[in-house]
Protein backbone atom coordinates (compact mmCIF):
# COMPACT_ATOMS: atom_id res chain seq x y z
CA MET A 1 -18.43 -2.83 -11.11
CA THR A 2 -15.14 -3.12 -13.21
CA ALA A 3 -11.27 -2.29 -13.24
CA THR A 4 -11.27 -1.69 -17.37
CA ALA A 5 -11.21 1.82 -18.52
CA PRO A 6 -14.69 2.69 -16.94
CA SER A 7 -16.10 5.31 -18.85
CA ALA A 8 -16.98 8.55 -16.81
CA PRO A 9 -20.21 8.93 -14.77
CA ALA A 10 -21.79 11.43 -14.30
CA VAL A 11 -22.65 13.60 -11.33
CA ASP A 12 -24.93 11.91 -8.79
CA SER A 13 -24.56 8.56 -10.30
CA THR A 14 -23.83 6.05 -7.83
CA ALA A 15 -22.11 2.61 -7.41
CA PRO A 16 -24.09 -0.41 -6.52
CA ALA A 17 -23.47 -1.10 -2.60
CA ARG A 18 -21.24 -4.18 -1.92
CA ASP A 19 -21.19 -4.98 1.81
CA TYR A 20 -18.64 -7.01 4.11
CA GLY A 21 -19.03 -8.81 7.03
CA PRO A 22 -20.09 -10.13 9.39
CA LEU A 23 -16.13 -8.79 10.48
CA THR A 24 -14.39 -11.32 12.68
CA THR A 25 -11.58 -11.12 15.07
CA GLN A 26 -10.02 -13.43 13.38
CA MET A 27 -10.03 -11.18 10.42
CA PHE A 28 -8.40 -8.14 12.88
CA VAL A 29 -5.69 -10.68 13.63
CA ARG A 30 -5.00 -11.56 10.46
CA TYR A 31 -5.18 -7.77 9.10
CA ALA A 32 -2.77 -7.06 11.80
CA GLY A 33 -0.20 -9.68 10.55
CA ALA A 34 -0.81 -8.14 6.93
CA SER A 35 -0.29 -4.52 8.33
CA GLY A 36 2.11 -4.41 11.20
CA ASP A 37 -0.65 -3.10 13.86
CA PHE A 38 0.14 -5.11 16.40
CA ASN A 39 -1.80 -3.30 18.91
CA PRO A 40 -3.75 -5.64 21.33
CA MET A 41 -6.87 -3.88 20.91
CA HIS A 42 -7.71 -5.36 17.59
CA TYR A 43 -7.35 -8.63 19.00
CA ASP A 44 -6.63 -9.75 23.03
CA ASP A 45 -10.43 -9.45 24.30
CA VAL A 46 -9.02 -9.10 27.66
CA GLN A 47 -6.96 -6.08 27.10
CA ALA A 48 -9.48 -4.34 25.15
CA ARG A 49 -11.99 -5.05 28.39
CA GLY A 50 -9.61 -3.36 30.57
CA ALA A 51 -9.22 -0.66 28.58
CA GLY A 52 -12.83 0.00 28.74
CA TYR A 53 -14.24 -1.03 25.58
CA PRO A 54 -16.75 -4.05 24.71
CA SER A 55 -14.82 -6.01 23.08
CA VAL A 56 -11.89 -5.82 20.77
CA PHE A 57 -11.98 -3.24 17.49
CA ALA A 58 -11.49 -3.27 13.92
CA GLN A 59 -7.90 -1.42 12.85
CA GLY A 60 -9.34 1.95 11.29
CA MET A 61 -7.44 0.99 8.43
CA LEU A 62 -9.05 -2.45 7.49
CA SER A 63 -12.09 -0.45 7.25
CA ALA A 64 -10.65 1.92 4.78
CA GLY A 65 -8.85 -0.49 2.95
CA LEU A 66 -12.24 -2.02 2.00
CA LEU A 67 -13.47 1.07 1.23
CA ALA A 68 -10.70 2.10 -1.11
CA GLY A 69 -11.13 -1.50 -2.79
CA TYR A 70 -14.92 -0.98 -3.36
CA ALA A 71 -13.60 2.16 -4.92
CA VAL A 72 -10.83 1.01 -7.17
CA ASP A 73 -13.45 -1.55 -8.39
CA TRP A 74 -16.16 0.85 -9.25
CA LEU A 75 -13.38 3.57 -11.17
CA GLY A 76 -10.10 1.35 -11.41
CA ALA A 77 -6.81 1.42 -9.64
CA GLU A 78 -4.52 2.28 -12.16
CA ASN A 79 -6.76 5.87 -12.39
CA VAL A 80 -6.81 6.81 -8.51
CA ARG A 81 -5.12 10.09 -7.96
CA ARG A 82 -6.19 11.20 -4.54
CA PHE A 83 -7.83 9.38 -1.21
CA ARG A 84 -8.58 11.22 1.85
CA VAL A 85 -9.83 9.54 4.62
CA ARG A 86 -11.86 10.29 7.91
CA PHE A 87 -12.89 7.94 10.44
CA ARG A 88 -15.45 8.10 12.42
CA GLU A 89 -16.99 5.23 14.47
CA GLN A 90 -15.43 1.81 15.24
CA VAL A 91 -16.21 -1.56 13.77
CA TRP A 92 -16.27 -4.28 16.00
CA PRO A 93 -16.66 -8.09 15.76
CA GLY A 94 -20.33 -9.31 13.60
CA ASP A 95 -20.96 -5.58 12.46
CA MET A 96 -21.33 -5.53 8.53
CA LEU A 97 -20.08 -3.22 6.07
CA THR A 98 -21.81 -1.43 3.15
CA CYS A 99 -20.03 0.41 1.24
CA SER A 100 -21.36 3.23 -0.98
CA GLY A 101 -20.17 5.64 -3.67
CA ARG A 102 -21.59 8.62 -5.85
CA VAL A 103 -19.87 11.10 -8.27
CA THR A 104 -19.69 14.90 -6.79
CA ALA A 105 -17.91 16.30 -10.08
CA VAL A 106 -16.62 15.55 -13.34
CA GLU A 107 -14.21 18.00 -14.67
CA GLU A 108 -12.50 17.53 -18.54
CA ARG A 109 -8.98 17.73 -17.95
CA ASP A 110 -5.65 16.76 -20.54
CA GLY A 111 -6.24 13.27 -20.87
CA GLY A 112 -9.38 12.38 -19.78
CA ARG A 113 -12.11 13.24 -17.03
CA LEU A 114 -11.55 13.88 -13.28
CA VAL A 115 -14.24 12.65 -11.26
CA THR A 116 -13.90 12.87 -8.24
CA VAL A 117 -16.71 11.08 -5.43
CA GLU A 118 -17.98 10.45 -1.67
CA LEU A 119 -17.40 7.42 -0.49
CA ALA A 120 -19.03 5.61 2.82
CA ALA A 121 -19.04 2.54 4.84
CA GLY A 122 -21.73 2.51 7.23
CA ARG A 123 -22.21 -0.49 10.07
CA GLN A 124 -25.15 -2.01 10.40
CA THR A 125 -27.05 0.59 12.72
CA GLY A 126 -27.03 3.46 10.04
CA ALA A 127 -23.82 4.99 11.77
CA VAL A 128 -21.18 5.73 9.04
CA ALA A 129 -17.79 4.19 10.04
CA VAL A 130 -15.63 6.06 7.77
CA THR A 131 -15.77 8.45 5.06
CA ALA A 132 -13.50 9.28 1.77
CA THR A 133 -13.05 11.42 -0.87
CA ALA A 134 -11.35 10.87 -3.91
CA ASP A 135 -10.07 11.73 -7.53
CA PHE A 136 -10.02 9.57 -10.45
CA LEU A 137 -8.79 10.58 -13.63
CA LEU A 138 -10.61 8.38 -16.35
CA PRO A 139 -8.99 8.21 -19.69
CA ALA A 140 -10.74 10.23 -22.51
């Protein structure tokens, strides 16, 4: 993966998958500090269990951020034109996330090629935690 002027990949091409984790409560706490999301469900195990959860869980935007980082490493941050995320399942301490991406369309545009990708961050259980679609305008 590279962030420097990638060539436009073909439809159905994929980026190498990347693993993140195991994720830890400490990561959730650090993300809370960076993002300002201090919901105690992400760092206070007693409160999370009191609310009926088995433990604390990751902020959705932490998982989305890992997926976005994966995508921009593949096709370049300067090329992002759209990024849409759907949260599907919670992420828990100890989870491994595997990010993957596939090109679904390539369209000629003024100034380059618009590459549309589908992205996913799956848990080690086989469940998908986050999905996304994104457009990247790659230089001609």
